Amino acid sequence: MSKNVTIMPCLDMRDGRVVKGVHFVDIADAGDPVECARAYCAAGADELALLDINATVENRGTLLDVVRRTAQACTVPFTVGGGIRDVRTAGEVLSAGANKVSLSSAAFRHPEVIPEIIKEFGADVLTVAIDVDVNPALPSGYEVYVDGGRTATGADALEWAKRVDGYGVKVILPTSKAGDGARTGYDLPVIRAMAQACQASIVASGGAGKMEDFLAAAQAGAEILLAASVFHFHLIDIGELKAYLKANDIDVRL
């Protein structure tokens, strides 16, 4: 099989600092997202994600100064999420230099914002993130969570993904609560189900621990492979990962 995939390190930020990346090799201040972004660009990342993980819960916007500084340092496209609620806040983040914006809680609570942002800025700039956890009572076996994975919604994750896809969204980013940060592997049933049901590119997110996990996600249908701690702590080298995927018949940019 041959699948074109991109590698996307994710910088989770709290108060303008990277909260998983304290031991990233060769960076003077590993807590600074701009330095992390610069290092990842040099290491061969295809894209970056910058997620302000407390913005929604604290009911505030994304830290635009961090976005601006990252845009100046970054040589690859980057997506910004956290605290983006509407066309205005999406526009502020894009104007600050982000290539794409990611919405999760706001998109679920106010689905009309999805076509509004697409109409204003085009479908290519919007990613819809979906935090999921296992719920055997739902048809797909997975439930949508909001507020950074804190609040259960009772909604079926696959049905929500199909609705998002119907708006013409180009990228859907499901993250498994159970897998996030655990390094036990991506939640392959979620990836497979969404990849089969949706036209959008599916991002594998939450749980990467070894190179085989990335391969399994690509084989399940993910086109974007996102990870945080394995890159931050230098457990996996991006160049070596790409060579491994290439050797296993996955198309990557070397």
C-alpha atoms as a PDB file:
ATOM      1  CA  MET A   1       0.000   0.000   0.000  1.00  0.00           C
ATOM      2  CA  SER A   2       1.139   3.552  -0.597  1.00  0.00           C
ATOM      3  CA  LYS A   3      -0.150   6.470   1.418  1.00  0.00           C
ATOM      4  CA  ASN A   4       1.129  10.031   1.353  1.00  0.00           C
ATOM      5  CA  VAL A   5       1.483  11.210   4.960  1.00  0.00           C
ATOM      6  CA  THR A   6       2.873  14.244   6.751  1.00  0.00           C
ATOM      7  CA  ILE A   7       4.570  14.404  10.151  1.00  0.00           C
ATOM      8  CA  MET A   8       3.166  17.031  12.533  1.00  0.00           C
ATOM      9  CA  PRO A   9       4.771  17.675  15.932  1.00  0.00           C
ATOM     10  CA  CYS A  10       2.339  19.277  18.362  1.00  0.00           C
ATOM     11  CA  LEU A  11       3.255  21.986  20.853  1.00  0.00           C
ATOM     12  CA  ASP A  12       0.780  22.051  23.737  1.00  0.00           C
ATOM     13  CA  MET A  13       1.006  25.457  25.393  1.00  0.00           C
ATOM     14  CA  ARG A  14      -0.063  26.725  28.773  1.00  0.00           C
ATOM     15  CA  ASP A  15       0.592  30.383  29.648  1.00  0.00           C
ATOM     16  CA  GLY A  16       2.720  30.695  26.537  1.00  0.00           C
ATOM     17  CA  ARG A  17       5.051  27.821  27.429  1.00  0.00           C
ATOM     18  CA  VAL A  18       5.326  24.324  25.970  1.00  0.00           C
ATOM     19  CA  VAL A  19       4.175  22.011  28.739  1.00  0.00           C
ATOM     20  CA  LYS A  20       5.389  18.660  27.400  1.00  0.00           C
ATOM     21  CA  GLY A  21       8.678  19.719  25.938  1.00  0.00           C
ATOM     22  CA  VAL A  22      11.015  20.325  28.846  1.00  0.00           C
ATOM     23  CA  HIS A  23      13.683  17.854  27.754  1.00  0.00           C
ATOM     24  CA  PHE A  24      13.835  18.489  24.025  1.00  0.00           C
ATOM     25  CA  VAL A  25      17.430  18.058  22.937  1.00  0.00           C
ATOM     26  CA  ASP A  26      19.568  20.983  21.740  1.00  0.00           C
ATOM     27  CA  ILE A  27      17.189  23.782  22.732  1.00  0.00           C
ATOM     28  CA  ALA A  28      18.346  26.343  25.274  1.00  0.00           C
ATOM     29  CA  ASP A  29      14.861  27.101  26.586  1.00  0.00           C
ATOM     30  CA  ALA A  30      12.697  24.080  25.823  1.00  0.00           C
ATOM     31  CA  GLY A  31       9.664  25.812  27.301  1.00  0.00           C
ATOM     32  CA  ASP A  32       9.603  28.406  24.545  1.00  0.00           C
ATOM     33  CA  PRO A  33       7.281  27.439  21.660  1.00  0.00           C
ATOM     34  CA  VAL A  34       9.193  29.561  19.159  1.00  0.00           C
ATOM     35  CA  GLU A  35      12.471  27.740  19.862  1.00  0.00           C
ATOM     36  CA  CYS A  36      10.674  24.388  19.675  1.00  0.00           C
ATOM     37  CA  ALA A  37       9.089  25.367  16.360  1.00  0.00           C
ATOM     38  CA  ARG A  38      12.445  26.425  14.951  1.00  0.00           C
ATOM     39  CA  ALA A  39      14.040  23.134  16.024  1.00  0.00           C
ATOM     40  CA  TYR A  40      11.238  21.042  14.542  1.00  0.00           C
ATOM     41  CA  CYS A  41      11.468  22.855  11.221  1.00  0.00           C
ATOM     42  CA  ALA A  42      15.193  22.063  11.143  1.00  0.00           C
ATOM     43  CA  ALA A  43      14.497  18.438  12.106  1.00  0.00           C
ATOM     44  CA  GLY A  44      12.268  17.829   9.081  1.00  0.00           C
ATOM     45  CA  ALA A  45       8.720  18.329  10.337  1.00  0.00           C
ATOM     46  CA  ASP A  46       6.188  18.800   7.517  1.00  0.00           C
ATOM     47  CA  GLU A  47       3.719  20.834   9.593  1.00  0.00           C
ATOM     48  CA  LEU A  48       3.335  22.003  13.185  1.00  0.00           C
ATOM     49  CA  ALA A  49       0.404  22.312  15.560  1.00  0.00           C
ATOM     50  CA  LEU A  50       0.304  24.942  18.301  1.00  0.00           C
ATOM     51  CA  LEU A  51      -2.453  24.273  20.826  1.00  0.00           C
ATOM     52  CA  ASP A  52      -3.254  26.701  23.640  1.00  0.00           C
ATOM     53  CA  ILE A  53      -4.729  24.010  25.861  1.00  0.00           C
ATOM     54  CA  ASN A  54      -6.251  26.276  28.554  1.00  0.00           C
ATOM     55  CA  ALA A  55      -7.669  29.025  26.334  1.00  0.00           C
ATOM     56  CA  THR A  56     -11.169  27.548  25.997  1.00  0.00           C
ATOM     57  CA  VAL A  57     -11.505  26.625  29.671  1.00  0.00           C
ATOM     58  CA  GLU A  58     -10.234  30.058  30.727  1.00  0.00           C
ATOM     59  CA  ASN A  59     -12.642  31.662  28.223  1.00  0.00           C
ATOM     60  CA  ARG A  60      -9.952  33.693  26.477  1.00  0.00           C
ATOM     61  CA  GLY A  61      -8.406  33.921  23.045  1.00  0.00           C
ATOM     62  CA  THR A  62      -5.184  32.373  21.805  1.00  0.00           C
ATOM     63  CA  LEU A  63      -1.953  34.166  22.742  1.00  0.00           C
ATOM     64  CA  LEU A  64      -1.473  36.111  19.528  1.00  0.00           C
ATOM     65  CA  ASP A  65       2.038  37.308  20.339  1.00  0.00           C
ATOM     66  CA  VAL A  66       3.197  33.681  20.485  1.00  0.00           C
ATOM     67  CA  VAL A  67       1.523  33.027  17.134  1.00  0.00           C
ATOM     68  CA  ARG A  68       3.282  36.039  15.590  1.00  0.00           C
ATOM     69  CA  ARG A  69       6.691  35.017  16.889  1.00  0.00           C
ATOM     70  CA  THR A  70       6.157  31.419  15.775  1.00  0.00           C
ATOM     71  CA  ALA A  71       5.170  32.588  12.297  1.00  0.00           C
ATOM     72  CA  GLN A  72       8.431  34.498  12.005  1.00  0.00           C
ATOM     73  CA  ALA A  73      10.500  31.459  13.033  1.00  0.00           C
ATOM     74  CA  CYS A  74       8.541  28.725  11.249  1.00  0.00           C
ATOM     75  CA  THR A  75       9.416  27.474   7.760  1.00  0.00           C
ATOM     76  CA  VAL A  76       6.520  24.979   7.491  1.00  0.00           C
ATOM     77  CA  PRO A  77       2.738  25.483   7.700  1.00  0.00           C
ATOM     78  CA  PHE A  78       1.349  25.570  11.214  1.00  0.00           C
ATOM     79  CA  THR A  79      -2.104  25.148  12.706  1.00  0.00           C
ATOM     80  CA  VAL A  80      -3.217  27.016  15.830  1.00  0.00           C
ATOM     81  CA  GLY A  81      -5.960  25.832  18.169  1.00  0.00           C
ATOM     82  CA  GLY A  82      -7.384  26.877  21.515  1.00  0.00           C
ATOM     83  CA  GLY A  83      -9.763  29.740  22.241  1.00  0.00           C
ATOM     84  CA  ILE A  84     -10.902  30.207  18.631  1.00  0.00           C
ATOM     85  CA  ARG A  85     -14.658  30.686  18.780  1.00  0.00           C
ATOM     86  CA  ASP A  86     -15.844  32.522  15.690  1.00  0.00           C
ATOM     87  CA  VAL A  87     -14.901  34.236  12.441  1.00  0.00           C
ATOM     88  CA  ARG A  88     -13.368  37.189  14.296  1.00  0.00           C
ATOM     89  CA  THR A  89     -11.035  35.147  16.524  1.00  0.00           C
ATOM     90  CA  ALA A  90     -10.125  32.871  13.600  1.00  0.00           C
ATOM     91  CA  GLY A  91      -9.257  35.960  11.551  1.00  0.00           C
ATOM     92  CA  GLU A  92      -7.048  37.332  14.337  1.00  0.00           C
ATOM     93  CA  VAL A  93      -5.038  34.115  14.502  1.00  0.00           C
ATOM     94  CA  LEU A  94      -4.686  33.881  10.722  1.00  0.00           C
ATOM     95  CA  SER A  95      -3.669  37.545  10.553  1.00  0.00           C
ATOM     96  CA  ALA A  96      -1.018  36.836  13.199  1.00  0.00           C
ATOM     97  CA  GLY A  97       0.586  34.393  10.781  1.00  0.00           C
ATOM     98  CA  ALA A  98      -1.013  30.979  11.316  1.00  0.00           C
ATOM     99  CA  ASN A  99      -1.733  28.960   8.175  1.00  0.00           C
ATOM    100  CA  LYS A 100      -4.713  27.146   9.682  1.00  0.00           C
ATOM    101  CA  VAL A 101      -6.983  27.312  12.703  1.00  0.00           C
ATOM    102  CA  SER A 102      -8.351  24.390  14.674  1.00  0.00           C
ATOM    103  CA  LEU A 103     -11.706  24.443  16.470  1.00  0.00           C
ATOM    104  CA  SER A 104     -13.105  21.823  18.805  1.00  0.00           C
ATOM    105  CA  SER A 105     -15.507  22.894  21.578  1.00  0.00           C
ATOM    106  CA  ALA A 106     -16.755  25.973  19.707  1.00  0.00           C
ATOM    107  CA  ALA A 107     -17.412  23.949  16.556  1.00  0.00           C
ATOM    108  CA  PHE A 108     -19.420  21.395  18.504  1.00  0.00           C
ATOM    109  CA  ARG A 109     -21.446  23.908  20.497  1.00  0.00           C
ATOM    110  CA  HIS A 110     -22.020  26.249  17.561  1.00  0.00           C
ATOM    111  CA  PRO A 111     -21.754  24.213  14.328  1.00  0.00           C
ATOM    112  CA  GLU A 112     -22.787  27.239  12.261  1.00  0.00           C
ATOM    113  CA  VAL A 113     -19.292  28.655  12.857  1.00  0.00           C
ATOM    114  CA  ILE A 114     -17.854  25.963  10.549  1.00  0.00           C
ATOM    115  CA  PRO A 115     -19.510  27.163   7.313  1.00  0.00           C
ATOM    116  CA  GLU A 116     -19.020  30.788   8.427  1.00  0.00           C
ATOM    117  CA  ILE A 117     -15.245  30.362   8.683  1.00  0.00           C
ATOM    118  CA  ILE A 118     -15.112  28.403   5.419  1.00  0.00           C
ATOM    119  CA  LYS A 119     -17.087  31.134   3.640  1.00  0.00           C
ATOM    120  CA  GLU A 120     -14.813  33.875   5.002  1.00  0.00           C
ATOM    121  CA  PHE A 121     -11.394  32.254   4.668  1.00  0.00           C
ATOM    122  CA  GLY A 122     -11.797  29.081   2.575  1.00  0.00           C
ATOM    123  CA  ALA A 123     -11.937  25.410   3.563  1.00  0.00           C
ATOM    124  CA  ASP A 124      -8.151  24.973   3.493  1.00  0.00           C
ATOM    125  CA  VAL A 125      -7.624  27.000   6.679  1.00  0.00           C
ATOM    126  CA  LEU A 126      -9.952  25.049   8.974  1.00  0.00           C
ATOM    127  CA  THR A 127      -9.298  21.921  11.013  1.00  0.00           C
ATOM    128  CA  VAL A 128     -12.004  20.539  13.296  1.00  0.00           C
ATOM    129  CA  ALA A 129     -10.622  18.660  16.296  1.00  0.00           C
ATOM    130  CA  ILE A 130     -12.726  16.029  18.049  1.00  0.00           C
ATOM    131  CA  ASP A 131     -11.743  14.698  21.481  1.00  0.00           C
ATOM    132  CA  VAL A 132     -13.201  11.216  21.917  1.00  0.00           C
ATOM    133  CA  ASP A 133     -13.477   8.530  24.558  1.00  0.00           C
ATOM    134  CA  VAL A 134     -14.918   5.051  24.588  1.00  0.00           C
ATOM    135  CA  ASN A 135     -18.662   4.760  25.220  1.00  0.00           C
ATOM    136  CA  PRO A 136     -20.110   1.351  24.305  1.00  0.00           C
ATOM    137  CA  ALA A 137     -23.647   2.746  24.523  1.00  0.00           C
ATOM    138  CA  LEU A 138     -23.157   4.821  21.346  1.00  0.00           C
ATOM    139  CA  PRO A 139     -23.381   3.401  17.800  1.00  0.00           C
ATOM    140  CA  SER A 140     -19.693   3.916  16.978  1.00  0.00           C
ATOM    141  CA  GLY A 141     -18.552   3.110  20.508  1.00  0.00           C
ATOM    142  CA  TYR A 142     -17.026   6.587  20.902  1.00  0.00           C
ATOM    143  CA  GLU A 143     -18.346   9.791  22.487  1.00  0.00           C
ATOM    144  CA  VAL A 144     -17.436  13.429  21.767  1.00  0.00           C
ATOM    145  CA  TYR A 145     -15.832  15.372  24.613  1.00  0.00           C
ATOM    146  CA  VAL A 146     -15.371  19.150  24.806  1.00  0.00           C
ATOM    147  CA  ASP A 147     -13.551  21.653  27.061  1.00  0.00           C
ATOM    148  CA  GLY A 148     -10.171  20.020  26.503  1.00  0.00           C
ATOM    149  CA  GLY A 149     -11.551  16.542  27.104  1.00  0.00           C
ATOM    150  CA  ARG A 150     -13.211  17.490  30.385  1.00  0.00           C
ATOM    151  CA  THR A 151     -16.903  17.443  29.419  1.00  0.00           C
ATOM    152  CA  ALA A 152     -18.859  14.530  27.973  1.00  0.00           C
ATOM    153  CA  THR A 153     -21.497  15.508  25.398  1.00  0.00           C
ATOM    154  CA  GLY A 154     -23.462  12.308  24.820  1.00  0.00           C
ATOM    155  CA  ALA A 155     -22.878  12.711  21.070  1.00  0.00           C
ATOM    156  CA  ASP A 156     -21.575   9.921  18.869  1.00  0.00           C
ATOM    157  CA  ALA A 157     -18.075  10.784  17.633  1.00  0.00           C
ATOM    158  CA  LEU A 158     -18.426   9.212  14.180  1.00  0.00           C
ATOM    159  CA  GLU A 159     -21.755  10.916  13.520  1.00  0.00           C
ATOM    160  CA  TRP A 160     -20.243  14.270  14.487  1.00  0.00           C
ATOM    161  CA  ALA A 161     -17.245  13.630  12.236  1.00  0.00           C
ATOM    162  CA  LYS A 162     -19.553  12.863   9.311  1.00  0.00           C
ATOM    163  CA  ARG A 163     -21.508  16.064   9.957  1.00  0.00           C
ATOM    164  CA  VAL A 164     -18.259  18.079  10.059  1.00  0.00           C
ATOM    165  CA  ASP A 165     -17.154  16.405   6.841  1.00  0.00           C
ATOM    166  CA  GLY A 166     -20.429  17.389   5.231  1.00  0.00           C
ATOM    167  CA  TYR A 167     -19.544  21.064   5.665  1.00  0.00           C
ATOM    168  CA  GLY A 168     -16.510  20.562   3.440  1.00  0.00           C
ATOM    169  CA  VAL A 169     -13.878  20.641   6.190  1.00  0.00           C
ATOM    170  CA  LYS A 170     -10.567  19.387   4.789  1.00  0.00           C
ATOM    171  CA  VAL A 171      -8.957  18.098   8.007  1.00  0.00           C
ATOM    172  CA  ILE A 172     -10.497  16.305  11.009  1.00  0.00           C
ATOM    173  CA  LEU A 173      -8.333  15.704  14.079  1.00  0.00           C
ATOM    174  CA  PRO A 174      -9.672  13.056  16.474  1.00  0.00           C
ATOM    175  CA  THR A 175      -7.767  12.594  19.740  1.00  0.00           C
ATOM    176  CA  SER A 176      -8.434   9.628  21.997  1.00  0.00           C
ATOM    177  CA  LYS A 177      -8.609  10.635  25.662  1.00  0.00           C
ATOM    178  CA  ALA A 178      -7.415   7.189  26.701  1.00  0.00           C
ATOM    179  CA  GLY A 179      -4.387   7.320  24.423  1.00  0.00           C
ATOM    180  CA  ASP A 180      -3.274  10.915  24.828  1.00  0.00           C
ATOM    181  CA  GLY A 181       0.226  11.042  26.262  1.00  0.00           C
ATOM    182  CA  ALA A 182       0.157   7.340  27.166  1.00  0.00           C
ATOM    183  CA  ARG A 183       2.498   6.207  24.363  1.00  0.00           C
ATOM    184  CA  THR A 184       0.479   2.997  24.005  1.00  0.00           C
ATOM    185  CA  GLY A 185      -0.419   3.537  20.344  1.00  0.00           C
ATOM    186  CA  TYR A 186      -3.010   5.550  18.453  1.00  0.00           C
ATOM    187  CA  ASP A 187      -6.691   4.587  18.702  1.00  0.00           C
ATOM    188  CA  LEU A 188      -6.818   2.776  15.364  1.00  0.00           C
ATOM    189  CA  PRO A 189     -10.577   1.986  15.312  1.00  0.00           C
ATOM    190  CA  VAL A 190     -11.367   5.722  15.528  1.00  0.00           C
ATOM    191  CA  ILE A 191      -8.922   6.557  12.727  1.00  0.00           C
ATOM    192  CA  ARG A 192     -10.165   3.723  10.535  1.00  0.00           C
ATOM    193  CA  ALA A 193     -13.846   4.543  11.022  1.00  0.00           C
ATOM    194  CA  MET A 194     -13.421   8.262  10.298  1.00  0.00           C
ATOM    195  CA  ALA A 195     -11.092   7.680   7.343  1.00  0.00           C
ATOM    196  CA  GLN A 196     -13.629   5.334   5.777  1.00  0.00           C
ATOM    197  CA  ALA A 197     -16.642   7.585   6.468  1.00  0.00           C
ATOM    198  CA  CYS A 198     -15.165  11.009   5.629  1.00  0.00           C
ATOM    199  CA  GLN A 199     -13.652  12.795   2.642  1.00  0.00           C
ATOM    200  CA  ALA A 200     -11.489  14.921   4.966  1.00  0.00           C
ATOM    201  CA  SER A 201      -7.906  14.013   5.792  1.00  0.00           C
ATOM    202  CA  ILE A 202      -7.760  12.357   9.215  1.00  0.00           C
ATOM    203  CA  VAL A 203      -5.069  13.256  11.734  1.00  0.00           C
ATOM    204  CA  ALA A 204      -3.745  10.514  14.018  1.00  0.00           C
ATOM    205  CA  SER A 205      -3.412  12.088  17.469  1.00  0.00           C
ATOM    206  CA  GLY A 206      -2.918  10.763  20.982  1.00  0.00           C
ATOM    207  CA  GLY A 207      -0.799   7.819  22.010  1.00  0.00           C
ATOM    208  CA  ALA A 208       2.245   7.517  19.741  1.00  0.00           C
ATOM    209  CA  GLY A 209       5.036   5.706  21.555  1.00  0.00           C
ATOM    210  CA  LYS A 210       7.123   3.990  18.907  1.00  0.00           C
ATOM    211  CA  MET A 211       7.658   4.108  15.156  1.00  0.00           C
ATOM    212  CA  GLU A 212       5.377   1.127  14.606  1.00  0.00           C
ATOM    213  CA  ASP A 213       2.497   3.187  16.008  1.00  0.00           C
ATOM    214  CA  PHE A 214       2.934   5.779  13.247  1.00  0.00           C
ATOM    215  CA  LEU A 215       2.988   3.051  10.605  1.00  0.00           C
ATOM    216  CA  ALA A 216      -0.184   1.453  11.993  1.00  0.00           C
ATOM    217  CA  ALA A 217      -1.979   4.815  11.945  1.00  0.00           C
ATOM    218  CA  ALA A 218      -0.994   5.443   8.315  1.00  0.00           C
ATOM    219  CA  GLN A 219      -2.146   1.966   7.366  1.00  0.00           C
ATOM    220  CA  ALA A 220      -5.459   2.658   9.163  1.00  0.00           C
ATOM    221  CA  GLY A 221      -6.025   5.683   6.930  1.00  0.00           C
ATOM    222  CA  ALA A 222      -4.454   8.659   8.706  1.00  0.00           C
ATOM    223  CA  GLU A 223      -2.814  11.161   6.362  1.00  0.00           C
ATOM    224  CA  ILE A 224      -1.310  13.394   9.065  1.00  0.00           C
ATOM    225  CA  LEU A 225       0.625  11.849  11.956  1.00  0.00           C
ATOM    226  CA  LEU A 226       0.658  14.098  15.020  1.00  0.00           C
ATOM    227  CA  ALA A 227       2.681  13.493  18.162  1.00  0.00           C
ATOM    228  CA  ALA A 228       4.093  15.503  21.052  1.00  0.00           C
ATOM    229  CA  SER A 229       6.068  13.824  23.829  1.00  0.00           C
ATOM    230  CA  VAL A 230       7.966  11.292  21.693  1.00  0.00           C
ATOM    231  CA  PHE A 231       9.352  14.190  19.676  1.00  0.00           C
ATOM    232  CA  HIS A 232       9.787  16.613  22.588  1.00  0.00           C
ATOM    233  CA  PHE A 233      11.733  14.082  24.660  1.00  0.00           C
ATOM    234  CA  HIS A 234      13.670  12.967  21.572  1.00  0.00           C
ATOM    235  CA  LEU A 235      12.478   9.377  21.870  1.00  0.00           C
ATOM    236  CA  ILE A 236      11.859   9.370  18.112  1.00  0.00           C
ATOM    237  CA  ASP A 237      13.878  11.294  15.532  1.00  0.00           C
ATOM    238  CA  ILE A 238      11.742  12.712  12.706  1.00  0.00           C
ATOM    239  CA  GLY A 239      14.294  11.831  10.037  1.00  0.00           C
ATOM    240  CA  GLU A 240      14.561   8.248  11.259  1.00  0.00           C
ATOM    241  CA  LEU A 241      10.772   8.001  11.461  1.00  0.00           C
ATOM    242  CA  LYS A 242      10.392   9.143   7.867  1.00  0.00           C
ATOM    243  CA  ALA A 243      13.016   6.660   6.675  1.00  0.00           C
ATOM    244  CA  TYR A 244      11.194   3.888   8.568  1.00  0.00           C
ATOM    245  CA  LEU A 245       7.824   4.806   7.044  1.00  0.00           C
ATOM    246  CA  LYS A 246       9.363   5.037   3.573  1.00  0.00           C
ATOM    247  CA  ALA A 247      10.884   1.574   3.993  1.00  0.00           C
ATOM    248  CA  ASN A 248       7.386   0.310   4.807  1.00  0.00           C
ATOM    249  CA  ASP A 249       5.850   1.714   1.622  1.00  0.00           C
ATOM    250  CA  ILE A 250       4.423   4.899   3.120  1.00  0.00           C
ATOM    251  CA  ASP A 251       4.980   8.003   0.996  1.00  0.00           C
ATOM    252  CA  VAL A 252       6.636  10.745   3.046  1.00  0.00           C
ATOM    253  CA  ARG A 253       8.664  13.845   2.249  1.00  0.00           C
ATOM    254  CA  LEU A 254      12.296  13.007   2.975  1.00  0.00           C
END
